[in-house]
Every structure is written in C-alpha cells, then in structure tokens.
Amino acid sequence: MTRLLELTEIYLHRDVVDFRKSINGLMVIVEDEMKLSPFNGALFIFCNRRRDKMKALYWDETGFCLWYKRLEKDKFKWPRKSNNSLINLSEQQWNWLLSGLDVSKMQGHQPLDYEAFR
C-alpha cells in the first residue's frame, strides 16, 4: 500500500465493470477501453454497477497490485455525467472519492500565479 503514495497518474474508468474480473480482466479494460498501458505506474480505478465496491489496479515494477474496497451502507459518488469514459483524477479528488464526496462537484481553490512589478 505504500506504493500508492508514489503514483503520479490516477485514472477513473467511468463505466461500470463486472466485478468478477480480476487483474487480467482489468488489464484488458485498461488496454482496450482506456487505451493506456497498465504498466505505466498509474492507478486505475473501477466501480461495480451498484457503486458500493471499488477496485484499484496498479503496477509496482515487480507485479500487479489489486486493491478492493466494499462499502457496507453507502455508495461511491461515481461521476456518470461525463462524456468521457476515462477521467483523470488528482490525488485530492481520489481522496474525496474515497471519503464519499462527489468529485464532479468538488472544486478546490484555483492556483494563482503572480509576478512582482519592477
């Protein structure tokens, strides 16, 4: 789990996934539907139809890791209104999703870039 702290890219697969799929089945989705390499060191996130289970897949340079979370009473606020089947998340949005917040509605402060006049 410490490898999750080193991930630079986080991709959410918006469409539901058959949760009988494990590492090999999710790798096929990453390659065929998401058009990405499962070996690029990114975190790939998937959800089931009821939105109460989540799987996260990543490559840690020695093998694949599969992380699984099941909610007992609630549902993940999975973005469904996006036109894209692939959504790139920030680390903050990933944490919001795990905390039960709707990442499509959450928006942090926009960074500002100022220069001093001389």
N, C-alpha and C. Protein backbone atom coordinates (compact mmCIF):
# COMPACT_ATOMS: atom_id res chain seq x y z
N MET A 1 0.81 -1.21 0.00
CA MET A 1 0.00 0.00 0.00
C MET A 1 0.85 1.26 0.00
N THR A 2 2.09 1.19 0.44
CA THR A 2 2.91 2.39 0.43
C THR A 2 3.20 2.86 -0.98
N ARG A 3 3.14 1.97 -1.95
CA ARG A 3 3.38 2.33 -3.35
C ARG A 3 2.33 3.31 -3.85
N LEU A 4 1.14 3.29 -3.29
CA LEU A 4 0.09 4.22 -3.70
C LEU A 4 0.51 5.67 -3.51
N LEU A 5 1.38 5.92 -2.55
CA LEU A 5 1.83 7.29 -2.30
C LEU A 5 2.72 7.81 -3.41
N GLU A 6 3.30 6.92 -4.21
CA GLU A 6 4.22 7.33 -5.26
C GLU A 6 3.57 7.45 -6.63
N LEU A 7 2.29 7.17 -6.76
CA LEU A 7 1.62 7.21 -8.05
C LEU A 7 1.43 8.65 -8.51
N THR A 8 1.72 8.88 -9.78
CA THR A 8 1.58 10.24 -10.31
C THR A 8 0.30 10.44 -11.10
N GLU A 9 -0.21 9.39 -11.71
CA GLU A 9 -1.43 9.48 -12.50
C GLU A 9 -2.51 8.58 -11.90
N ILE A 10 -3.73 9.10 -11.84
CA ILE A 10 -4.86 8.34 -11.33
C ILE A 10 -5.97 8.44 -12.38
N TYR A 11 -6.38 7.28 -12.89
CA TYR A 11 -7.40 7.23 -13.93
C TYR A 11 -8.64 6.49 -13.41
N LEU A 12 -9.78 7.11 -13.59
CA LEU A 12 -11.05 6.52 -13.19
C LEU A 12 -11.76 6.04 -14.44
N HIS A 13 -12.13 4.78 -14.47
CA HIS A 13 -12.95 4.23 -15.56
C HIS A 13 -14.40 4.49 -15.19
N ARG A 14 -15.05 5.39 -15.91
CA ARG A 14 -16.39 5.86 -15.53
C ARG A 14 -17.46 4.79 -15.65
N ASP A 15 -17.36 3.93 -16.66
CA ASP A 15 -18.37 2.90 -16.87
C ASP A 15 -18.23 1.79 -15.83
N VAL A 16 -19.34 1.14 -15.53
CA VAL A 16 -19.32 0.05 -14.55
C VAL A 16 -18.56 -1.15 -15.11
N VAL A 17 -18.04 -1.96 -14.19
CA VAL A 17 -17.23 -3.12 -14.55
C VAL A 17 -17.80 -4.35 -13.85
N ASP A 18 -17.77 -5.46 -14.53
CA ASP A 18 -18.14 -6.74 -13.94
C ASP A 18 -17.09 -7.09 -12.89
N PHE A 19 -17.48 -7.16 -11.63
CA PHE A 19 -16.50 -7.35 -10.55
C PHE A 19 -16.04 -8.79 -10.39
N ARG A 20 -16.45 -9.67 -11.29
CA ARG A 20 -15.83 -10.98 -11.34
C ARG A 20 -14.45 -10.89 -11.98
N LYS A 21 -14.19 -9.77 -12.66
CA LYS A 21 -12.88 -9.56 -13.28
C LYS A 21 -11.84 -9.30 -12.20
N SER A 22 -10.68 -9.87 -12.42
CA SER A 22 -9.57 -9.63 -11.51
C SER A 22 -8.46 -8.92 -12.29
N ILE A 23 -7.23 -9.16 -11.94
CA ILE A 23 -6.11 -8.41 -12.54
C ILE A 23 -6.10 -8.52 -14.06
N ASN A 24 -6.14 -9.71 -14.61
CA ASN A 24 -6.05 -9.87 -16.06
C ASN A 24 -7.22 -9.22 -16.78
N GLY A 25 -8.43 -9.38 -16.26
CA GLY A 25 -9.60 -8.77 -16.88
C GLY A 25 -9.56 -7.25 -16.83
N LEU A 26 -9.09 -6.71 -15.71
CA LEU A 26 -8.99 -5.25 -15.60
C LEU A 26 -7.87 -4.71 -16.49
N MET A 27 -6.79 -5.48 -16.66
CA MET A 27 -5.71 -5.08 -17.58
C MET A 27 -6.25 -4.94 -19.00
N VAL A 28 -7.13 -5.83 -19.41
CA VAL A 28 -7.72 -5.77 -20.74
C VAL A 28 -8.53 -4.48 -20.89
N ILE A 29 -9.28 -4.11 -19.87
CA ILE A 29 -10.05 -2.86 -19.91
C ILE A 29 -9.12 -1.66 -20.03
N VAL A 30 -8.03 -1.66 -19.26
CA VAL A 30 -7.07 -0.55 -19.34
C VAL A 30 -6.51 -0.43 -20.75
N GLU A 31 -6.14 -1.56 -21.35
CA GLU A 31 -5.54 -1.52 -22.68
C GLU A 31 -6.57 -1.24 -23.78
N ASP A 32 -7.70 -1.97 -23.78
CA ASP A 32 -8.65 -1.88 -24.89
C ASP A 32 -9.61 -0.70 -24.80
N GLU A 33 -10.14 -0.43 -23.63
CA GLU A 33 -11.13 0.63 -23.49
C GLU A 33 -10.51 1.97 -23.11
N MET A 34 -9.54 1.93 -22.20
CA MET A 34 -8.93 3.17 -21.74
C MET A 34 -7.77 3.61 -22.63
N LYS A 35 -7.29 2.68 -23.48
CA LYS A 35 -6.19 2.95 -24.42
C LYS A 35 -4.92 3.42 -23.71
N LEU A 36 -4.63 2.78 -22.57
CA LEU A 36 -3.44 3.10 -21.78
C LEU A 36 -2.67 1.81 -21.50
N SER A 37 -1.44 1.97 -21.10
CA SER A 37 -0.64 0.81 -20.70
C SER A 37 -0.83 0.55 -19.22
N PRO A 38 -1.18 -0.67 -18.83
CA PRO A 38 -1.31 -0.96 -17.40
C PRO A 38 0.04 -0.98 -16.68
N PHE A 39 1.12 -0.92 -17.43
CA PHE A 39 2.47 -0.96 -16.86
C PHE A 39 3.06 0.43 -16.65
N ASN A 40 2.29 1.50 -16.83
CA ASN A 40 2.85 2.86 -16.77
C ASN A 40 2.96 3.43 -15.35
N GLY A 41 2.65 2.64 -14.33
CA GLY A 41 2.79 3.11 -12.96
C GLY A 41 1.63 3.92 -12.45
N ALA A 42 0.55 3.99 -13.22
CA ALA A 42 -0.64 4.76 -12.80
C ALA A 42 -1.58 3.88 -11.99
N LEU A 43 -2.49 4.53 -11.31
CA LEU A 43 -3.56 3.86 -10.56
C LEU A 43 -4.81 3.89 -11.42
N PHE A 44 -5.43 2.73 -11.63
CA PHE A 44 -6.64 2.61 -12.43
C PHE A 44 -7.78 2.20 -11.52
N ILE A 45 -8.87 2.98 -11.52
CA ILE A 45 -9.96 2.78 -10.57
C ILE A 45 -11.22 2.32 -11.30
N PHE A 46 -11.89 1.33 -10.73
CA PHE A 46 -13.09 0.73 -11.32
C PHE A 46 -14.18 0.61 -10.25
N CYS A 47 -15.44 0.62 -10.71
CA CYS A 47 -16.56 0.50 -9.79
C CYS A 47 -17.58 -0.50 -10.34
N ASN A 48 -18.33 -1.12 -9.44
CA ASN A 48 -19.37 -2.07 -9.86
C ASN A 48 -20.69 -1.33 -10.14
N ARG A 49 -21.66 -2.06 -10.64
CA ARG A 49 -22.94 -1.47 -11.03
C ARG A 49 -23.66 -0.80 -9.86
N ARG A 50 -23.63 -1.39 -8.69
CA ARG A 50 -24.32 -0.83 -7.52
C ARG A 50 -23.54 0.32 -6.88
N ARG A 51 -22.30 0.54 -7.31
CA ARG A 51 -21.42 1.60 -6.82
C ARG A 51 -21.11 1.47 -5.33
N ASP A 52 -21.14 0.24 -4.82
CA ASP A 52 -20.77 0.03 -3.42
C ASP A 52 -19.43 -0.70 -3.30
N LYS A 53 -18.81 -1.00 -4.44
CA LYS A 53 -17.50 -1.66 -4.45
C LYS A 53 -16.58 -0.95 -5.43
N MET A 54 -15.31 -0.90 -5.07
CA MET A 54 -14.31 -0.25 -5.89
C MET A 54 -13.07 -1.14 -5.95
N LYS A 55 -12.46 -1.20 -7.13
CA LYS A 55 -11.18 -1.88 -7.29
C LYS A 55 -10.19 -0.89 -7.88
N ALA A 56 -8.96 -0.98 -7.42
CA ALA A 56 -7.88 -0.15 -7.93
C ALA A 56 -6.73 -1.06 -8.32
N LEU A 57 -6.22 -0.86 -9.53
CA LEU A 57 -5.16 -1.69 -10.07
C LEU A 57 -3.94 -0.83 -10.35
N TYR A 58 -2.75 -1.33 -10.00
CA TYR A 58 -1.53 -0.62 -10.38
C TYR A 58 -0.36 -1.60 -10.47
N TRP A 59 0.64 -1.20 -11.23
CA TRP A 59 1.86 -1.95 -11.43
C TRP A 59 2.93 -1.35 -10.53
N ASP A 60 3.61 -2.17 -9.72
CA ASP A 60 4.62 -1.63 -8.81
C ASP A 60 6.05 -2.05 -9.18
N GLU A 61 6.28 -2.34 -10.46
CA GLU A 61 7.59 -2.71 -11.01
C GLU A 61 7.99 -4.15 -10.71
N THR A 62 7.25 -4.86 -9.88
CA THR A 62 7.53 -6.28 -9.65
C THR A 62 6.31 -7.13 -9.93
N GLY A 63 5.16 -6.50 -10.05
CA GLY A 63 3.92 -7.21 -10.30
C GLY A 63 2.74 -6.28 -10.12
N PHE A 64 1.57 -6.81 -10.41
CA PHE A 64 0.35 -6.02 -10.27
C PHE A 64 -0.20 -6.11 -8.86
N CYS A 65 -0.77 -5.02 -8.41
CA CYS A 65 -1.44 -4.96 -7.11
C CYS A 65 -2.90 -4.63 -7.37
N LEU A 66 -3.77 -5.31 -6.66
CA LEU A 66 -5.20 -5.07 -6.79
C LEU A 66 -5.75 -4.73 -5.41
N TRP A 67 -6.31 -3.54 -5.30
CA TRP A 67 -6.86 -3.03 -4.05
C TRP A 67 -8.38 -3.06 -4.19
N TYR A 68 -9.08 -3.46 -3.14
CA TYR A 68 -10.53 -3.64 -3.20
C TYR A 68 -11.17 -3.00 -1.97
N LYS A 69 -12.25 -2.26 -2.19
CA LYS A 69 -12.98 -1.68 -1.06
C LYS A 69 -14.47 -1.92 -1.27
N ARG A 70 -15.15 -2.35 -0.19
CA ARG A 70 -16.58 -2.57 -0.21
C ARG A 70 -17.21 -1.69 0.86
N LEU A 71 -18.18 -0.88 0.47
CA LEU A 71 -18.92 -0.06 1.43
C LEU A 71 -20.07 -0.89 1.98
N GLU A 72 -20.30 -0.78 3.26
CA GLU A 72 -21.35 -1.55 3.91
C GLU A 72 -22.72 -0.90 3.84
N LYS A 73 -22.78 0.46 3.84
CA LYS A 73 -24.08 1.11 3.91
C LYS A 73 -24.29 2.20 2.87
N ASP A 74 -23.29 2.58 2.15
CA ASP A 74 -23.40 3.73 1.26
C ASP A 74 -22.95 3.37 -0.14
N LYS A 75 -22.86 4.36 -1.01
CA LYS A 75 -22.40 4.17 -2.39
C LYS A 75 -21.33 5.21 -2.69
N PHE A 76 -20.43 4.85 -3.59
CA PHE A 76 -19.45 5.82 -4.06
C PHE A 76 -20.14 6.81 -4.97
N LYS A 77 -19.77 8.06 -4.88
CA LYS A 77 -20.31 9.12 -5.74
C LYS A 77 -19.54 9.08 -7.06
N TRP A 78 -19.92 8.15 -7.90
CA TRP A 78 -19.20 7.88 -9.14
C TRP A 78 -19.65 8.86 -10.22
N PRO A 79 -18.72 9.56 -10.86
CA PRO A 79 -19.12 10.51 -11.91
C PRO A 79 -19.76 9.77 -13.09
N ARG A 80 -21.00 10.13 -13.42
CA ARG A 80 -21.69 9.45 -14.51
C ARG A 80 -22.07 10.39 -15.64
N LYS A 81 -21.99 11.68 -15.43
CA LYS A 81 -22.46 12.63 -16.43
C LYS A 81 -21.36 13.07 -17.41
N SER A 82 -20.17 12.61 -17.22
CA SER A 82 -19.08 12.98 -18.11
C SER A 82 -19.24 12.28 -19.46
N ASN A 83 -18.84 12.97 -20.53
CA ASN A 83 -18.88 12.36 -21.86
C ASN A 83 -17.74 11.37 -22.05
N ASN A 84 -16.71 11.51 -21.26
CA ASN A 84 -15.54 10.64 -21.39
C ASN A 84 -15.69 9.41 -20.51
N SER A 85 -15.27 8.26 -21.03
CA SER A 85 -15.29 7.06 -20.20
C SER A 85 -14.05 6.98 -19.33
N LEU A 86 -13.08 7.86 -19.58
CA LEU A 86 -11.84 7.93 -18.80
C LEU A 86 -11.72 9.30 -18.17
N ILE A 87 -11.54 9.33 -16.86
CA ILE A 87 -11.42 10.59 -16.13
C ILE A 87 -10.10 10.57 -15.38
N ASN A 88 -9.31 11.61 -15.55
CA ASN A 88 -8.04 11.75 -14.86
C ASN A 88 -8.29 12.47 -13.55
N LEU A 89 -7.93 11.86 -12.41
CA LEU A 89 -8.16 12.44 -11.10
C LEU A 89 -6.87 12.94 -10.48
N SER A 90 -6.99 13.95 -9.68
CA SER A 90 -5.86 14.39 -8.85
C SER A 90 -5.86 13.54 -7.58
N GLU A 91 -4.79 13.61 -6.84
CA GLU A 91 -4.73 12.88 -5.56
C GLU A 91 -5.82 13.37 -4.62
N GLN A 92 -6.08 14.67 -4.64
CA GLN A 92 -7.13 15.24 -3.79
C GLN A 92 -8.50 14.69 -4.18
N GLN A 93 -8.78 14.61 -5.48
CA GLN A 93 -10.06 14.07 -5.94
C GLN A 93 -10.20 12.59 -5.58
N TRP A 94 -9.11 11.84 -5.66
CA TRP A 94 -9.10 10.43 -5.26
C TRP A 94 -9.48 10.31 -3.79
N ASN A 95 -8.92 11.17 -2.94
CA ASN A 95 -9.26 11.17 -1.52
C ASN A 95 -10.71 11.58 -1.29
N TRP A 96 -11.19 12.54 -2.07
CA TRP A 96 -12.59 12.95 -1.97
C TRP A 96 -13.50 11.77 -2.31
N LEU A 97 -13.19 11.05 -3.38
CA LEU A 97 -13.98 9.90 -3.80
C LEU A 97 -14.03 8.84 -2.70
N LEU A 98 -12.88 8.54 -2.10
CA LEU A 98 -12.84 7.57 -1.01
C LEU A 98 -13.60 8.04 0.22
N SER A 99 -13.70 9.36 0.40
CA SER A 99 -14.40 9.93 1.55
C SER A 99 -15.90 10.07 1.32
N GLY A 100 -16.37 9.72 0.14
CA GLY A 100 -17.80 9.78 -0.14
C GLY A 100 -18.26 11.07 -0.79
N LEU A 101 -17.33 11.89 -1.26
CA LEU A 101 -17.70 13.14 -1.89
C LEU A 101 -17.80 12.97 -3.40
N ASP A 102 -18.61 13.81 -4.03
CA ASP A 102 -18.79 13.77 -5.47
C ASP A 102 -17.68 14.58 -6.12
N VAL A 103 -16.75 13.90 -6.80
CA VAL A 103 -15.59 14.58 -7.37
C VAL A 103 -15.98 15.51 -8.51
N SER A 104 -17.11 15.27 -9.16
CA SER A 104 -17.52 16.16 -10.25
C SER A 104 -18.06 17.49 -9.74
N LYS A 105 -18.47 17.54 -8.47
CA LYS A 105 -18.99 18.78 -7.89
C LYS A 105 -17.98 19.50 -7.01
N MET A 106 -16.99 18.77 -6.54
CA MET A 106 -15.99 19.36 -5.65
C MET A 106 -14.96 20.12 -6.49
N GLN A 107 -14.61 21.29 -6.02
CA GLN A 107 -13.60 22.07 -6.71
C GLN A 107 -12.82 22.86 -5.67
N GLY A 108 -11.53 22.67 -5.67
CA GLY A 108 -10.67 23.40 -4.74
C GLY A 108 -10.37 24.80 -5.25
N HIS A 109 -9.61 25.53 -4.49
CA HIS A 109 -9.18 26.86 -4.92
C HIS A 109 -8.28 26.75 -6.14
N GLN A 110 -8.45 27.65 -7.06
CA GLN A 110 -7.61 27.67 -8.24
C GLN A 110 -6.26 28.30 -7.90
N PRO A 111 -5.17 27.70 -8.31
CA PRO A 111 -3.85 28.29 -8.02
C PRO A 111 -3.67 29.58 -8.81
N LEU A 112 -3.01 30.53 -8.18
CA LEU A 112 -2.72 31.84 -8.79
C LEU A 112 -1.24 31.96 -9.06
N ASP A 113 -0.91 32.70 -10.09
CA ASP A 113 0.49 32.91 -10.44
C ASP A 113 0.71 34.41 -10.64
N TYR A 114 1.37 35.01 -9.69
CA TYR A 114 1.63 36.45 -9.74
C TYR A 114 3.10 36.72 -9.99
N GLU A 115 3.36 37.87 -10.62
CA GLU A 115 4.72 38.34 -10.75
C GLU A 115 4.77 39.76 -10.20
N ALA A 116 5.86 40.07 -9.54
CA ALA A 116 6.03 41.41 -8.97
C ALA A 116 6.44 42.38 -10.07
N PHE A 117 5.91 43.61 -10.00
CA PHE A 117 6.30 44.66 -10.96
C PHE A 117 7.63 45.22 -10.56
N ARG A 118 8.43 45.53 -11.51
CA ARG A 118 9.75 46.12 -11.22
C ARG A 118 9.87 47.47 -11.85
